[in-house]
PDB file of all heavy atoms in Angstrom:
ATOM      1  N   TRP A   1     -22.411 -89.619  15.666  1.00  0.00           N
ATOM      2  CA  TRP A   1     -22.023 -91.007  15.800  1.00  0.00           C
ATOM      3  C   TRP A   1     -22.549 -91.842  14.634  1.00  0.00           C
ATOM      4  O   TRP A   1     -23.705 -91.687  14.212  1.00  0.00           O
ATOM      5  CB  TRP A   1     -22.581 -91.602  17.099  1.00  0.00           C
ATOM      6  CG  TRP A   1     -21.924 -91.069  18.343  1.00  0.00           C
ATOM      7  CD1 TRP A   1     -22.424 -90.147  19.203  1.00  0.00           C
ATOM      8  CD2 TRP A   1     -20.639 -91.439  18.850  1.00  0.00           C
ATOM      9  NE1 TRP A   1     -21.547 -89.909  20.227  1.00  0.00           N
ATOM     10  CE2 TRP A   1     -20.426 -90.700  20.039  1.00  0.00           C
ATOM     11  CE3 TRP A   1     -19.641 -92.328  18.433  1.00  0.00           C
ATOM     12  CZ2 TRP A   1     -19.273 -90.812  20.810  1.00  0.00           C
ATOM     13  CZ3 TRP A   1     -18.489 -92.440  19.199  1.00  0.00           C
ATOM     14  CH2 TRP A   1     -18.310 -91.683  20.368  1.00  0.00           C
ATOM     15  N   VAL A   2     -21.690 -92.718  14.115  1.00  0.00           N
ATOM     16  CA  VAL A   2     -22.107 -93.731  13.152  1.00  0.00           C
ATOM     17  C   VAL A   2     -21.478 -95.056  13.576  1.00  0.00           C
ATOM     18  O   VAL A   2     -20.494 -95.076  14.319  1.00  0.00           O
ATOM     19  CB  VAL A   2     -21.683 -93.378  11.702  1.00  0.00           C
ATOM     20  CG1 VAL A   2     -22.394 -92.128  11.215  1.00  0.00           C
ATOM     21  CG2 VAL A   2     -20.164 -93.216  11.601  1.00  0.00           C
ATOM     22  N   PHE A   3     -22.058 -96.152  13.098  1.00  0.00           N
ATOM     23  CA  PHE A   3     -21.563 -97.469  13.490  1.00  0.00           C
ATOM     24  C   PHE A   3     -20.853 -98.120  12.311  1.00  0.00           C
ATOM     25  O   PHE A   3     -21.405 -98.206  11.211  1.00  0.00           O
ATOM     26  CB  PHE A   3     -22.706 -98.372  13.953  1.00  0.00           C
ATOM     27  CG  PHE A   3     -22.256 -99.678  14.537  1.00  0.00           C
ATOM     28  CD1 PHE A   3     -21.928 -99.770  15.876  1.00  0.00           C
ATOM     29  CD2 PHE A   3     -22.131-100.810  13.737  1.00  0.00           C
ATOM     30  CE1 PHE A   3     -21.497-100.958  16.428  1.00  0.00           C
ATOM     31  CE2 PHE A   3     -21.700-102.012  14.278  1.00  0.00           C
ATOM     32  CZ  PHE A   3     -21.376-102.089  15.630  1.00  0.00           C
ATOM     33  N   ILE A   4     -19.604 -98.578  12.547  1.00  0.00           N
ATOM     34  CA  ILE A   4     -18.833 -99.270  11.514  1.00  0.00           C
ATOM     35  C   ILE A   4     -18.953-100.778  11.728  1.00  0.00           C
ATOM     36  O   ILE A   4     -18.668-101.290  12.815  1.00  0.00           O
ATOM     37  CB  ILE A   4     -17.350 -98.849  11.555  1.00  0.00           C
ATOM     38  CG1 ILE A   4     -17.214 -97.343  11.311  1.00  0.00           C
ATOM     39  CG2 ILE A   4     -16.539 -99.636  10.532  1.00  0.00           C
ATOM     40  CD1 ILE A   4     -15.791 -96.824  11.441  1.00  0.00           C
ATOM     41  N   HIS A   5     -19.380-101.496  10.678  1.00  0.00           N
ATOM     42  CA  HIS A   5     -19.405-102.952  10.720  1.00  0.00           C
ATOM     43  C   HIS A   5     -17.999-103.518  10.495  1.00  0.00           C
ATOM     44  O   HIS A   5     -17.069-102.792  10.095  1.00  0.00           O
ATOM     45  CB  HIS A   5     -20.351-103.489   9.647  1.00  0.00           C
ATOM     46  CG  HIS A   5     -21.796-103.288   9.962  1.00  0.00           C
ATOM     47  ND1 HIS A   5     -22.412-103.808  11.067  1.00  0.00           N
ATOM     48  CD2 HIS A   5     -22.768-102.594   9.285  1.00  0.00           C
ATOM     49  CE1 HIS A   5     -23.687-103.483  11.073  1.00  0.00           C
ATOM     50  NE2 HIS A   5     -23.930-102.728  10.013  1.00  0.00           N
ATOM     51  N   SER A   6     -17.843-104.812  10.719  1.00  0.00           N
ATOM     52  CA  SER A   6     -16.529-105.440  10.624  1.00  0.00           C
ATOM     53  C   SER A   6     -15.994-105.474   9.187  1.00  0.00           C
ATOM     54  O   SER A   6     -14.818-105.745   8.976  1.00  0.00           O
ATOM     55  CB  SER A   6     -16.565-106.856  11.201  1.00  0.00           C
ATOM     56  OG  SER A   6     -17.574-107.622  10.570  1.00  0.00           O
ATOM     57  N   ASP A   7     -16.848-105.196   8.194  1.00  0.00           N
ATOM     58  CA  ASP A   7     -16.357-105.091   6.813  1.00  0.00           C
ATOM     59  C   ASP A   7     -15.954-103.659   6.466  1.00  0.00           C
ATOM     60  O   ASP A   7     -15.605-103.369   5.314  1.00  0.00           O
ATOM     61  CB  ASP A   7     -17.399-105.599   5.819  1.00  0.00           C
ATOM     62  CG  ASP A   7     -18.698-104.772   5.849  1.00  0.00           C
ATOM     63  OD1 ASP A   7     -18.814-103.858   6.684  1.00  0.00           O
ATOM     64  OD2 ASP A   7     -19.601-105.076   5.031  1.00  0.00           O
ATOM     65  N   GLY A   8     -16.020-102.786   7.475  1.00  0.00           N
ATOM     66  CA  GLY A   8     -15.608-101.398   7.275  1.00  0.00           C
ATOM     67  C   GLY A   8     -16.722-100.462   6.860  1.00  0.00           C
ATOM     68  O   GLY A   8     -16.557 -99.235   6.910  1.00  0.00           O
ATOM     69  N   LYS A   9     -17.854-101.018   6.461  1.00  0.00           N
ATOM     70  CA  LYS A   9     -18.962-100.169   6.007  1.00  0.00           C
ATOM     71  C   LYS A   9     -19.694 -99.558   7.194  1.00  0.00           C
ATOM     72  O   LYS A   9     -19.901-100.215   8.219  1.00  0.00           O
ATOM     73  CB  LYS A   9     -19.954-100.969   5.172  1.00  0.00           C
ATOM     74  CG  LYS A   9     -19.435-101.426   3.827  1.00  0.00           C
ATOM     75  CD  LYS A   9     -20.522-102.181   3.054  1.00  0.00           C
ATOM     76  CE  LYS A   9     -19.992-102.722   1.733  1.00  0.00           C
ATOM     77  NZ  LYS A   9     -21.019-103.492   0.986  1.00  0.00           N
ATOM     78  N   VAL A  10     -20.127 -98.300   7.012  1.00  0.00           N
ATOM     79  CA  VAL A  10     -21.007 -97.661   7.990  1.00  0.00           C
ATOM     80  C   VAL A  10     -22.395 -98.283   7.872  1.00  0.00           C
ATOM     81  O   VAL A  10     -22.899 -98.521   6.765  1.00  0.00           O
ATOM     82  CB  VAL A  10     -21.065 -96.148   7.759  1.00  0.00           C
ATOM     83  CG1 VAL A  10     -22.199 -95.506   8.554  1.00  0.00           C
ATOM     84  CG2 VAL A  10     -19.735 -95.507   8.142  1.00  0.00           C
ATOM     85  N   ALA A  11     -23.014 -98.562   9.037  1.00  0.00           N
ATOM     86  CA  ALA A  11     -24.377 -99.110   9.064  1.00  0.00           C
ATOM     87  C   ALA A  11     -25.349 -98.082   8.514  1.00  0.00           C
ATOM     88  O   ALA A  11     -25.504 -97.002   9.085  1.00  0.00           O
ATOM     89  CB  ALA A  11     -24.751 -99.499  10.488  1.00  0.00           C
ATOM     90  N   LYS A  12     -25.999 -98.401   7.419  1.00  0.00           N
ATOM     91  CA  LYS A  12     -26.996 -97.518   6.819  1.00  0.00           C
ATOM     92  C   LYS A  12     -27.595 -98.227   5.619  1.00  0.00           C
ATOM     93  O   LYS A  12     -27.111 -99.279   5.177  1.00  0.00           O
ATOM     94  CB  LYS A  12     -26.384 -96.179   6.388  1.00  0.00           C
ATOM     95  CG  LYS A  12     -25.368 -96.298   5.265  1.00  0.00           C
ATOM     96  CD  LYS A  12     -24.917 -94.943   4.778  1.00  0.00           C
ATOM     97  CE  LYS A  12     -24.011 -95.067   3.556  1.00  0.00           C
ATOM     98  NZ  LYS A  12     -23.838 -93.802   2.845  1.00  0.00           N
ATOM     99  N   LYS A  13     -28.651 -97.633   5.083  1.00  0.00           N
ATOM    100  CA  LYS A  13     -29.253 -98.117   3.844  1.00  0.00           C
ATOM    101  C   LYS A  13     -29.034 -97.055   2.781  1.00  0.00           C
ATOM    102  O   LYS A  13     -29.088 -95.855   3.060  1.00  0.00           O
ATOM    103  CB  LYS A  13     -30.752 -98.378   4.034  1.00  0.00           C
ATOM    104  CG  LYS A  13     -31.414 -99.075   2.868  1.00  0.00           C
ATOM    105  CD  LYS A  13     -32.850 -99.460   3.201  1.00  0.00           C
ATOM    106  CE  LYS A  13     -33.501-100.184   2.015  1.00  0.00           C
ATOM    107  NZ  LYS A  13     -34.910-100.553   2.307  1.00  0.00           N
ATOM    108  N   HIS A  14     -28.809 -97.511   1.564  1.00  0.00           N
ATOM    109  CA  HIS A  14     -28.488 -96.556   0.505  1.00  0.00           C
ATOM    110  C   HIS A  14     -29.623 -95.560   0.267  1.00  0.00           C
ATOM    111  O   HIS A  14     -30.758 -95.940   0.017  1.00  0.00           O
ATOM    112  CB  HIS A  14     -28.190 -97.288  -0.800  1.00  0.00           C
ATOM    113  CG  HIS A  14     -26.965 -98.147  -0.739  1.00  0.00           C
ATOM    114  ND1 HIS A  14     -26.630 -99.054  -1.698  1.00  0.00           N
ATOM    115  CD2 HIS A  14     -25.979 -98.241   0.201  1.00  0.00           C
ATOM    116  CE1 HIS A  14     -25.510 -99.672  -1.380  1.00  0.00           C
ATOM    117  NE2 HIS A  14     -25.100 -99.194  -0.224  1.00  0.00           N
ATOM    118  N   TYR A  15     -29.307 -94.302   0.397  1.00  0.00           N
ATOM    119  CA  TYR A  15     -30.146 -93.176  -0.020  1.00  0.00           C
ATOM    120  C   TYR A  15     -31.460 -93.031   0.749  1.00  0.00           C
ATOM    121  O   TYR A  15     -32.330 -92.285   0.316  1.00  0.00           O
ATOM    122  CB  TYR A  15     -30.468 -93.267  -1.526  1.00  0.00           C
ATOM    123  CG  TYR A  15     -29.244 -93.511  -2.380  1.00  0.00           C
ATOM    124  CD1 TYR A  15     -29.046 -94.731  -3.025  1.00  0.00           C
ATOM    125  CD2 TYR A  15     -28.275 -92.523  -2.529  1.00  0.00           C
ATOM    126  CE1 TYR A  15     -27.915 -94.961  -3.813  1.00  0.00           C
ATOM    127  CE2 TYR A  15     -27.133 -92.752  -3.311  1.00  0.00           C
ATOM    128  CZ  TYR A  15     -26.964 -93.971  -3.950  1.00  0.00           C
ATOM    129  OH  TYR A  15     -25.858 -94.204  -4.705  1.00  0.00           O
ATOM    130  N   THR A  16     -31.622 -93.707   1.868  1.00  0.00           N
ATOM    131  CA  THR A  16     -32.881 -93.588   2.605  1.00  0.00           C
ATOM    132  C   THR A  16     -32.654 -93.873   4.076  1.00  0.00           C
ATOM    133  O   THR A  16     -31.669 -94.507   4.463  1.00  0.00           O
ATOM    134  CB  THR A  16     -33.943 -94.546   2.028  1.00  0.00           C
ATOM    135  OG1 THR A  16     -35.200 -94.329   2.686  1.00  0.00           O
ATOM    136  CG2 THR A  16     -33.568 -96.000   2.241  1.00  0.00           C
ATOM    137  N   ASP A  17     -33.587 -93.396   4.914  1.00  0.00           N
ATOM    138  CA  ASP A  17     -33.574 -93.750   6.331  1.00  0.00           C
ATOM    139  C   ASP A  17     -33.896 -95.233   6.482  1.00  0.00           C
ATOM    140  O   ASP A  17     -34.580 -95.832   5.642  1.00  0.00           O
ATOM    141  CB  ASP A  17     -34.625 -92.934   7.087  1.00  0.00           C
ATOM    142  CG  ASP A  17     -34.326 -91.446   7.086  1.00  0.00           C
ATOM    143  OD1 ASP A  17     -33.210 -91.059   6.692  1.00  0.00           O
ATOM    144  OD2 ASP A  17     -35.216 -90.662   7.466  1.00  0.00           O
ATOM    145  N   SER A  18     -33.425 -95.809   7.602  1.00  0.00           N
ATOM    146  CA  SER A  18     -33.657 -97.247   7.801  1.00  0.00           C
ATOM    147  C   SER A  18     -33.435 -97.633   9.256  1.00  0.00           C
ATOM    148  O   SER A  18     -32.758 -96.937  10.016  1.00  0.00           O
ATOM    149  CB  SER A  18     -32.708 -98.067   6.913  1.00  0.00           C
ATOM    150  OG  SER A  18     -31.351 -97.794   7.264  1.00  0.00           O
ATOM    151  N   TRP A  19     -34.039 -98.783   9.626  1.00  0.00           N
ATOM    152  CA  TRP A  19     -33.798 -99.392  10.931  1.00  0.00           C
ATOM    153  C   TRP A  19     -32.571-100.304  10.853  1.00  0.00           C
ATOM    154  O   TRP A  19     -32.355-100.972   9.847  1.00  0.00           O
ATOM    155  CB  TRP A  19     -34.995-100.234  11.364  1.00  0.00           C
ATOM    156  CG  TRP A  19     -36.201 -99.439  11.739  1.00  0.00           C
ATOM    157  CD1 TRP A  19     -37.332 -99.268  11.007  1.00  0.00           C
ATOM    158  CD2 TRP A  19     -36.402 -98.725  12.959  1.00  0.00           C
ATOM    159  NE1 TRP A  19     -38.228 -98.489  11.680  1.00  0.00           N
ATOM    160  CE2 TRP A  19     -37.693 -98.138  12.886  1.00  0.00           C
ATOM    161  CE3 TRP A  19     -35.627 -98.511  14.095  1.00  0.00           C
ATOM    162  CZ2 TRP A  19     -38.219 -97.363  13.913  1.00  0.00           C
ATOM    163  CZ3 TRP A  19     -36.144 -97.736  15.118  1.00  0.00           C
ATOM    164  CH2 TRP A  19     -37.423 -97.165  15.028  1.00  0.00           C
ATOM    165  N   ASP A  20     -31.798-100.339  11.963  1.00  0.00           N
ATOM    166  CA  ASP A  20     -30.712-101.312  12.085  1.00  0.00           C
ATOM    167  C   ASP A  20     -30.564-101.668  13.559  1.00  0.00           C
ATOM    168  O   ASP A  20     -30.611-100.788  14.427  1.00  0.00           O
ATOM    169  CB  ASP A  20     -29.401-100.757  11.539  1.00  0.00           C
ATOM    170  CG  ASP A  20     -28.483-101.860  11.003  1.00  0.00           C
ATOM    171  OD1 ASP A  20     -28.653-103.018  11.424  1.00  0.00           O
ATOM    172  OD2 ASP A  20     -27.623-101.544  10.160  1.00  0.00           O
ATOM    173  N   ARG A  21     -30.426-102.952  13.820  1.00  0.00           N
ATOM    174  CA  ARG A  21     -30.242-103.422  15.204  1.00  0.00           C
ATOM    175  C   ARG A  21     -28.742-103.489  15.477  1.00  0.00           C
ATOM    176  O   ARG A  21     -28.017-104.273  14.843  1.00  0.00           O
ATOM    177  CB  ARG A  21     -30.900-104.778  15.412  1.00  0.00           C
ATOM    178  CG  ARG A  21     -31.018-105.160  16.889  1.00  0.00           C
ATOM    179  CD  ARG A  21     -31.989-106.322  17.077  1.00  0.00           C
ATOM    180  NE  ARG A  21     -32.124-106.643  18.503  1.00  0.00           N
ATOM    181  CZ  ARG A  21     -31.351-107.522  19.144  1.00  0.00           C
ATOM    182  NH1 ARG A  21     -30.421-108.178  18.488  1.00  0.00           N
ATOM    183  NH2 ARG A  21     -31.529-107.749  20.434  1.00  0.00           N
ATOM    184  N   LEU A  22     -28.288-102.660  16.408  1.00  0.00           N
ATOM    185  CA  LEU A  22     -26.858-102.480  16.643  1.00  0.00           C
ATOM    186  C   LEU A  22     -26.562-102.502  18.137  1.00  0.00           C
ATOM    187  O   LEU A  22     -27.424-102.176  18.960  1.00  0.00           O
ATOM    188  CB  LEU A  22     -26.391-101.138  16.056  1.00  0.00           C
ATOM    189  CG  LEU A  22     -26.631-100.934  14.553  1.00  0.00           C
ATOM    190  CD1 LEU A  22     -26.376 -99.486  14.167  1.00  0.00           C
ATOM    191  CD2 LEU A  22     -25.758-101.881  13.735  1.00  0.00           C
ATOM    192  N   PRO A  23     -25.343-102.843  18.506  1.00  0.00           N
ATOM    193  CA  PRO A  23     -24.978-102.822  19.921  1.00  0.00           C
ATOM    194  C   PRO A  23     -24.450-101.454  20.346  1.00  0.00           C
ATOM    195  O   PRO A  23     -23.894-100.704  19.551  1.00  0.00           O
ATOM    196  CB  PRO A  23     -23.858-103.865  19.991  1.00  0.00           C
ATOM    197  CG  PRO A  23     -23.189-103.763  18.650  1.00  0.00           C
ATOM    198  CD  PRO A  23     -24.279-103.429  17.666  1.00  0.00           C
ATOM    199  N   ASP A  24     -24.651-101.141  21.622  1.00  0.00           N
ATOM    200  CA  ASP A  24     -23.932-100.027  22.239  1.00  0.00           C
ATOM    201  C   ASP A  24     -23.556-100.470  23.656  1.00  0.00           C
ATOM    202  O   ASP A  24     -23.623-101.665  23.976  1.00  0.00           O
ATOM    203  CB  ASP A  24     -24.736 -98.725  22.196  1.00  0.00           C
ATOM    204  CG  ASP A  24     -26.015 -98.752  23.015  1.00  0.00           C
ATOM    205  OD1 ASP A  24     -26.225 -99.695  23.813  1.00  0.00           O
ATOM    206  OD2 ASP A  24     -26.829 -97.815  22.868  1.00  0.00           O
ATOM    207  N   SER A  25     -23.187 -99.536  24.492  1.00  0.00           N
ATOM    208  CA  SER A  25     -22.697 -99.888  25.832  1.00  0.00           C
ATOM    209  C   SER A  25     -23.778-100.496  26.715  1.00  0.00           C
ATOM    210  O   SER A  25     -23.463-101.082  27.759  1.00  0.00           O
ATOM    211  CB  SER A  25     -22.120 -98.645  26.517  1.00  0.00           C
ATOM    212  OG  SER A  25     -23.119 -97.627  26.629  1.00  0.00           O
ATOM    213  N   THR A  26     -25.039-100.371  26.323  1.00  0.00           N
ATOM    214  CA  THR A  26     -26.140-100.895  27.148  1.00  0.00           C
ATOM    215  C   THR A  26     -26.763-102.159  26.567  1.00  0.00           C
ATOM    216  O   THR A  26     -27.732-102.671  27.115  1.00  0.00           O
ATOM    217  CB  THR A  26     -27.236 -99.825  27.312  1.00  0.00           C
ATOM    218  OG1 THR A  26     -27.824 -99.556  26.024  1.00  0.00           O
ATOM    219  CG2 THR A  26     -26.665 -98.539  27.895  1.00  0.00           C
ATOM    220  N   GLY A  27     -26.274-102.630  25.434  1.00  0.00           N
ATOM    221  CA  GLY A  27     -26.818-103.834  24.818  1.00  0.00           C
ATOM    222  C   GLY A  27     -27.200-103.591  23.365  1.00  0.00           C
ATOM    223  O   GLY A  27     -26.754-102.618  22.744  1.00  0.00           O
ATOM    224  N   TRP A  28     -28.024-104.498  22.828  1.00  0.00           N
ATOM    225  CA  TRP A  28     -28.464-104.388  21.442  1.00  0.00           C
ATOM    226  C   TRP A  28     -29.781-103.618  21.378  1.00  0.00           C
ATOM    227  O   TRP A  28     -30.690-103.856  22.169  1.00  0.00           O
ATOM    228  CB  TRP A  28     -28.645-105.770  20.835  1.00  0.00           C
ATOM    229  CG  TRP A  28     -27.335-106.441  20.524  1.00  0.00           C
ATOM    230  CD1 TRP A  28     -26.517-107.092  21.397  1.00  0.00           C
ATOM    231  CD2 TRP A  28     -26.701-106.494  19.250  1.00  0.00           C
ATOM    232  NE1 TRP A  28     -25.409-107.563  20.760  1.00  0.00           N
ATOM    233  CE2 TRP A  28     -25.487-107.218  19.431  1.00  0.00           C
ATOM    234  CE3 TRP A  28     -27.019-106.027  17.978  1.00  0.00           C
ATOM    235  CZ2 TRP A  28     -24.607-107.473  18.381  1.00  0.00           C
ATOM    236  CZ3 TRP A  28     -26.151-106.286  16.929  1.00  0.00           C
ATOM    237  CH2 TRP A  28     -24.951-106.992  17.135  1.00  0.00           C
TER     238      TRP A  28
END
């Protein structure tokens, strides 16, 4: 699973692991 933002980009940071606050079926 990956998350697509409304600009079409996959949620991630370039070339490294990272935190991101994202929604799913249970909330943010």
